[in-house]
Amino acid sequence: MTPAPARLGTRRSTMATNQSRMVADAITERTGVPVELVLITSFGDVTKAHLTQLGGTGVFVNALRDELLDGGVEFAVHSLKDLPTAPADGLVLAAVTERDDPRDALCARDGLKFADLPAGAAVGTGSPRRVAQLTTLRPDLRYVPIRGNAETRLGKVASGELDAVVLAHAGLRRVGRLDDVTDVFEPEQMLPAPGQGALAVECRLADAEGALGYLSAVDHPATRAAVTAERVVLAELEAGCAAPVGAYAEFTAEGLLRLRAAVVSTDGTQSVRMERTAEAAATADGVRDAAELGRALAREMIAAGADRIVADAATGRET
């Protein structure tokens, strides 16, 4: 008999269902376990408020977590950048998928590059992190807070309401809109959100090593180590996923883990940018070393005042 399909909880958006289907297909391919998607509406999907008003943390994941704990689904898929750094009681991060392109992308009218946008051009983004770093690059542009899925945001450019929008490159790929990309921001220009480009598979703690042990088949140890370093920086700064914090870790050709992080005030006038490199295996054993790397870098940044920038951003003040 064909086993009953495992129930995977996902948000209802096109991007969320597409990326959840990618994970479901990978699980089935590698383990033979059939998977069905269960569509769940999160508060972040229905509210009209901007993420800065909501605090950001958890607005896209709490409904999925509630469904997990209630037994309505067996596991859930989140964009890792949306997942709070604090552990949730009774739940565990069972897998982190291999990271897609972590960079941010510009989608502008008339195929314009970022450098070619005219002074005063309106650029839409819902991310304080992006606004802060973009402002340091082009303070002459006008950054407009926007909400909505990728298609809605891109539509504001097509209609002429905005000159450009900035979105995650990985998300655009997952909804088949890479043709709209006119420019890409390298990490040297703008550090991505911690975990950007990776997907998180979460399940009940009691099931992780038992009934759902097969979820480890889609875990990518090198990605898990890298994003662990990034998320520890975020946690140590006590910053939510809507804070103006960018972090990116990658393994070098020499096998070292290089971690870069930045905290920038939302008006672009104050910033703390640092990097640190350490030995860390691109395996499950490397996660502990990656976490320590993140803590060490965060301590240096806090000593330089990064925590004050985060606190001021959270209260709407500028340093």
Protein backbone atom coordinates (compact mmCIF):
# COMPACT_ATOMS: atom_id res chain seq x y z
CA MET A 1 0.00 0.00 0.00
CA THR A 2 1.09 3.55 -0.69
CA PRO A 3 1.74 5.30 2.63
CA ALA A 4 -0.43 8.26 3.56
CA PRO A 5 1.29 11.47 2.48
CA ALA A 6 3.04 13.57 5.08
CA ARG A 7 1.34 16.93 5.68
CA LEU A 8 3.56 19.96 4.99
CA GLY A 9 2.31 23.32 6.25
CA THR A 10 2.98 26.35 4.06
CA ARG A 11 1.80 29.91 3.61
CA ARG A 12 -0.62 30.43 0.73
CA SER A 13 1.42 32.82 -1.43
CA THR A 14 2.76 31.69 -4.79
CA MET A 15 6.33 32.02 -3.55
CA ALA A 16 5.65 30.03 -0.37
CA THR A 17 3.82 27.22 -2.14
CA ASN A 18 6.44 27.01 -4.88
CA GLN A 19 9.32 26.74 -2.42
CA SER A 20 7.40 24.30 -0.24
CA ARG A 21 6.72 22.15 -3.30
CA MET A 22 10.46 22.19 -4.04
CA VAL A 23 11.14 20.81 -0.55
CA ALA A 24 8.31 18.29 -0.82
CA ASP A 25 9.60 16.98 -4.14
CA ALA A 26 13.14 16.70 -2.77
CA ILE A 27 11.90 14.72 0.25
CA THR A 28 9.94 12.34 -1.96
CA GLU A 29 12.83 11.92 -4.39
CA ARG A 30 15.35 11.17 -1.63
CA THR A 31 13.20 9.15 0.78
CA GLY A 32 10.17 7.89 -1.13
CA VAL A 33 7.81 9.58 1.35
CA PRO A 34 4.88 11.27 -0.43
CA VAL A 35 4.09 14.81 0.75
CA GLU A 36 0.98 16.98 0.43
CA LEU A 37 0.83 20.72 0.99
CA VAL A 38 -1.53 22.19 3.59
CA LEU A 39 -2.16 25.89 2.92
CA ILE A 40 -2.22 28.14 5.99
CA THR A 41 -2.89 31.88 6.21
CA SER A 42 -0.51 33.82 8.47
CA PHE A 43 -1.15 37.19 10.09
CA GLY A 44 1.62 38.66 7.95
CA ASP A 45 -0.30 37.66 4.83
CA VAL A 46 -3.54 39.45 5.73
CA THR A 47 -2.49 42.56 7.65
CA LYS A 48 -2.04 45.84 5.79
CA ALA A 49 0.50 47.15 8.32
CA HIS A 50 4.16 47.48 7.43
CA LEU A 51 6.66 45.10 9.01
CA THR A 52 8.25 47.92 10.99
CA GLN A 53 4.91 48.48 12.71
CA LEU A 54 4.50 44.78 13.44
CA GLY A 55 8.01 44.25 14.74
CA GLY A 56 8.62 41.75 11.92
CA THR A 57 9.56 38.78 14.07
CA GLY A 58 7.23 35.82 13.65
CA VAL A 59 4.46 37.50 11.67
CA PHE A 60 4.82 34.99 8.84
CA VAL A 61 5.55 31.88 10.91
CA ASN A 62 3.35 31.85 14.01
CA ALA A 63 0.27 30.43 12.27
CA LEU A 64 2.35 27.59 10.83
CA ARG A 65 3.87 26.89 14.25
CA ASP A 66 0.43 26.81 15.86
CA GLU A 67 -0.72 24.29 13.27
CA LEU A 68 2.38 22.18 13.92
CA LEU A 69 1.85 22.13 17.68
CA ASP A 70 -1.86 21.34 17.22
CA GLY A 71 -1.01 18.37 14.99
CA GLY A 72 -2.68 19.77 11.88
CA VAL A 73 0.55 19.34 9.92
CA GLU A 74 3.65 17.24 10.51
CA PHE A 75 6.23 19.77 9.39
CA ALA A 76 6.38 23.27 7.93
CA VAL A 77 8.58 25.16 5.48
CA HIS A 78 9.58 28.78 6.08
CA SER A 79 11.88 31.24 4.38
CA LEU A 80 14.72 31.08 6.88
CA LYS A 81 15.13 34.86 6.92
CA ASP A 82 11.58 35.11 8.36
CA LEU A 83 12.21 32.60 11.16
CA PRO A 84 12.79 34.11 14.62
CA THR A 85 16.18 33.25 16.13
CA ALA A 86 14.69 32.29 19.50
CA PRO A 87 13.75 28.59 19.68
CA ALA A 88 10.06 27.74 19.86
CA ASP A 89 8.99 25.41 22.67
CA GLY A 90 8.32 21.93 21.36
CA LEU A 91 9.68 22.61 17.87
CA VAL A 92 13.04 22.06 16.20
CA LEU A 93 14.77 23.11 12.99
CA ALA A 94 14.90 19.70 11.34
CA ALA A 95 16.58 20.78 8.12
CA VAL A 96 18.06 23.77 6.32
CA THR A 97 18.01 23.39 2.56
CA GLU A 98 20.92 24.19 0.30
CA ARG A 99 21.05 27.92 -0.11
CA ASP A 100 19.86 29.59 -3.27
CA ASP A 101 21.33 32.93 -4.41
CA PRO A 102 21.43 35.07 -1.22
CA ARG A 103 21.69 38.45 -2.96
CA ASP A 104 19.16 41.26 -3.26
CA ALA A 105 17.98 42.25 -6.73
CA LEU A 106 16.75 45.46 -8.33
CA CYS A 107 13.80 45.40 -10.70
CA ALA A 108 13.62 48.82 -12.35
CA ARG A 109 11.71 50.45 -15.19
CA ASP A 110 13.32 50.61 -18.61
CA GLY A 111 16.00 48.09 -17.62
CA LEU A 112 17.83 50.65 -15.47
CA LYS A 113 20.76 49.72 -13.26
CA PHE A 114 20.87 51.05 -9.71
CA ALA A 115 23.59 53.55 -10.59
CA ASP A 116 21.52 54.83 -13.51
CA LEU A 117 18.32 55.63 -11.59
CA PRO A 118 17.73 59.40 -11.72
CA ALA A 119 18.00 61.42 -8.52
CA GLY A 120 14.69 61.36 -6.65
CA ALA A 121 13.58 58.06 -8.19
CA ALA A 122 11.10 56.10 -6.04
CA VAL A 123 12.43 52.70 -4.95
CA GLY A 124 10.05 50.37 -3.12
CA THR A 125 11.05 47.98 -0.35
CA GLY A 126 9.50 46.78 2.89
CA SER A 127 12.87 46.09 4.52
CA PRO A 128 14.59 48.55 6.90
CA ARG A 129 17.82 46.63 6.26
CA ARG A 130 17.62 47.36 2.56
CA VAL A 131 16.63 51.00 3.07
CA ALA A 132 19.56 51.55 5.44
CA GLN A 133 22.18 50.04 3.16
CA LEU A 134 20.72 51.50 -0.04
CA THR A 135 20.72 54.95 1.53
CA THR A 136 24.45 54.72 2.11
CA LEU A 137 24.89 53.92 -1.60
CA ARG A 138 22.37 56.39 -3.07
CA PRO A 139 21.08 58.94 -0.53
CA ASP A 140 19.59 60.89 -3.43
CA LEU A 141 16.86 58.31 -4.08
CA ARG A 142 13.45 58.13 -2.40
CA TYR A 143 12.79 54.84 -0.57
CA VAL A 144 9.12 53.94 -0.30
CA PRO A 145 7.76 51.33 2.15
CA ILE A 146 5.64 48.71 0.38
CA ARG A 147 3.89 45.46 1.23
CA GLY A 148 2.50 42.60 -0.83
CA ASN A 149 3.78 39.59 -2.70
CA ALA A 150 6.43 39.78 -5.40
CA GLU A 151 3.88 40.09 -8.19
CA THR A 152 2.15 43.00 -6.44
CA ARG A 153 5.43 44.83 -5.91
CA LEU A 154 6.57 44.29 -9.47
CA GLY A 155 3.21 45.57 -10.65
CA LYS A 156 3.94 48.93 -9.00
CA VAL A 157 6.91 49.31 -11.33
CA ALA A 158 4.96 48.22 -14.39
CA SER A 159 2.20 50.73 -13.58
CA GLY A 160 4.66 53.59 -13.11
CA GLU A 161 3.82 54.04 -9.41
CA LEU A 162 7.45 53.24 -8.56
CA ASP A 163 10.67 53.47 -10.54
CA ALA A 164 12.05 50.27 -9.02
CA VAL A 165 11.65 47.69 -6.28
CA VAL A 166 14.24 45.62 -4.43
CA LEU A 167 13.49 41.96 -3.71
CA ALA A 168 15.36 38.80 -2.83
CA HIS A 169 16.89 37.21 -5.92
CA ALA A 170 15.99 33.72 -4.66
CA GLY A 171 12.34 34.66 -4.24
CA LEU A 172 12.15 36.08 -7.75
CA ARG A 173 13.56 32.85 -9.12
CA ARG A 174 10.97 30.81 -7.21
CA VAL A 175 8.10 32.73 -8.78
CA GLY A 176 9.66 32.73 -12.26
CA ARG A 177 10.34 36.47 -12.42
CA LEU A 178 14.10 36.62 -12.95
CA ASP A 179 13.51 38.35 -16.29
CA ASP A 180 12.42 41.40 -14.29
CA VAL A 181 15.84 41.74 -12.61
CA THR A 182 17.83 44.70 -13.93
CA ASP A 183 20.65 44.72 -11.36
CA VAL A 184 21.99 42.58 -8.53
CA PHE A 185 23.62 43.80 -5.32
CA GLU A 186 26.80 41.95 -4.41
CA PRO A 187 27.46 41.41 -0.68
CA GLU A 188 30.18 44.06 -0.89
CA GLN A 189 27.42 46.56 -1.72
CA MET A 190 24.56 45.26 0.41
CA LEU A 191 24.67 42.39 2.86
CA PRO A 192 21.57 40.18 2.72
CA ALA A 193 19.30 39.32 5.61
CA PRO A 194 20.63 36.51 7.81
CA GLY A 195 19.52 33.24 6.25
CA GLN A 196 18.35 34.82 2.99
CA GLY A 197 18.10 32.28 0.17
CA ALA A 198 17.75 29.24 2.44
CA LEU A 199 14.60 27.41 3.50
CA ALA A 200 13.87 26.10 6.99
CA VAL A 201 12.04 22.84 7.67
CA GLU A 202 10.53 22.83 11.16
CA CYS A 203 8.81 20.00 13.01
CA ARG A 204 7.84 18.91 16.50
CA LEU A 205 10.84 18.08 18.67
CA ALA A 206 9.40 14.69 19.56
CA ASP A 207 9.24 13.70 15.88
CA ALA A 208 12.64 14.94 14.70
CA GLU A 209 14.60 11.79 15.47
CA GLY A 210 11.67 9.41 15.21
CA ALA A 211 8.79 9.48 12.77
CA LEU A 212 10.19 12.43 10.81
CA GLY A 213 13.85 11.51 10.90
CA TYR A 214 13.76 11.38 7.11
CA LEU A 215 13.67 15.21 7.00
CA SER A 216 17.43 15.15 7.48
CA ALA A 217 17.63 14.00 3.86
CA VAL A 218 17.10 17.60 2.70
CA ASP A 219 19.46 19.18 5.25
CA HIS A 220 22.55 20.86 3.74
CA PRO A 221 25.28 20.97 6.41
CA ALA A 222 27.40 23.69 4.80
CA THR A 223 24.38 25.98 4.49
CA ARG A 224 23.30 25.20 8.05
CA ALA A 225 26.74 26.15 9.37
CA ALA A 226 26.82 29.40 7.39
CA VAL A 227 23.33 30.56 8.35
CA THR A 228 23.93 29.58 11.97
CA ALA A 229 26.77 32.11 12.13
CA GLU A 230 24.54 34.78 10.57
CA ARG A 231 21.56 34.11 12.83
CA VAL A 232 23.71 34.11 15.97
CA VAL A 233 24.81 37.66 15.09
CA LEU A 234 21.13 38.63 14.83
CA ALA A 235 20.30 36.91 18.12
CA GLU A 236 23.21 38.44 20.02
CA LEU A 237 22.17 41.89 18.82
CA GLU A 238 18.65 41.10 20.06
CA ALA A 239 17.35 42.18 16.68
CA GLY A 240 14.28 40.88 14.89
CA CYS A 241 14.05 39.91 11.26
CA ALA A 242 12.84 43.45 10.40
CA ALA A 243 15.90 45.11 11.97
CA PRO A 244 18.52 46.90 9.82
CA VAL A 245 20.99 44.03 10.18
CA GLY A 246 22.73 42.31 7.28
CA ALA A 247 24.92 39.23 7.62
CA TYR A 248 26.45 36.77 5.21
CA ALA A 249 28.74 33.80 5.82
CA GLU A 250 30.41 31.70 3.16
CA PHE A 251 33.13 29.08 3.00
CA THR A 252 36.35 30.25 1.35
CA ALA A 253 38.46 28.24 -1.08
CA GLU A 254 40.73 27.46 1.87
CA GLY A 255 37.84 25.91 3.78
CA LEU A 256 37.44 28.73 6.29
CA LEU A 257 34.10 30.31 7.17
CA ARG A 258 34.07 34.04 6.43
CA LEU A 259 31.35 36.04 8.19
CA ARG A 260 30.49 39.63 7.33
CA ALA A 261 27.87 41.69 9.14
CA ALA A 262 26.56 45.25 9.12
CA VAL A 263 24.20 47.29 11.26
CA VAL A 264 23.19 50.56 9.62
CA SER A 265 20.86 53.26 10.90
CA THR A 266 17.84 53.63 8.67
CA ASP A 267 18.95 57.11 7.55
CA GLY A 268 22.34 55.68 6.56
CA THR A 269 24.34 58.03 8.75
CA GLN A 270 25.65 55.54 11.32
CA SER A 271 26.98 52.05 10.70
CA VAL A 272 29.04 49.26 12.19
CA ARG A 273 30.51 46.87 9.63
CA MET A 274 32.83 44.04 10.57
CA GLU A 275 34.01 40.67 9.40
CA ARG A 276 35.72 37.69 10.95
CA THR A 277 37.01 34.36 9.65
CA ALA A 278 37.34 31.08 11.53
CA GLU A 279 37.83 27.39 11.00
CA ALA A 280 34.51 25.57 10.70
CA ALA A 281 33.75 22.34 8.91
CA ALA A 282 31.16 22.42 6.12
CA THR A 283 29.45 19.53 7.92
CA ALA A 284 27.11 19.02 10.84
CA ASP A 285 30.17 19.23 13.10
CA GLY A 286 30.81 22.79 11.93
CA VAL A 287 27.63 24.28 13.40
CA ARG A 288 29.12 24.75 16.87
CA ASP A 289 32.19 26.55 15.47
CA ALA A 290 29.94 28.66 13.24
CA ALA A 291 27.85 29.70 16.25
CA GLU A 292 30.96 30.74 18.14
CA LEU A 293 32.12 32.74 15.13
CA GLY A 294 28.80 34.57 15.13
CA ARG A 295 29.01 35.29 18.85
CA ALA A 296 32.57 36.59 18.59
CA LEU A 297 31.72 38.94 15.73
CA ALA A 298 28.56 40.15 17.47
CA ARG A 299 30.53 40.96 20.63
CA GLU A 300 32.95 43.08 18.60
CA MET A 301 30.06 44.88 16.91
CA ILE A 302 28.29 45.54 20.22
CA ALA A 303 31.51 46.99 21.61
CA ALA A 304 31.48 49.38 18.64
CA GLY A 305 27.88 50.45 19.29
CA ALA A 306 25.88 48.19 16.96
CA ASP A 307 23.35 47.36 19.67
CA ARG A 308 22.54 51.05 20.11
CA ILE A 309 21.82 51.42 16.40
CA VAL A 310 19.47 48.42 16.57
CA ALA A 311 17.70 49.79 19.65
CA ASP A 312 17.25 53.22 18.09
CA ALA A 313 15.87 51.70 14.89
CA ALA A 314 13.38 49.65 16.90
CA THR A 315 12.05 52.76 18.64
CA GLY A 316 11.97 54.86 15.50
CA ARG A 317 14.88 57.08 16.49
CA GLU A 318 18.04 57.74 14.55
CA THR A 319 21.47 57.76 16.17
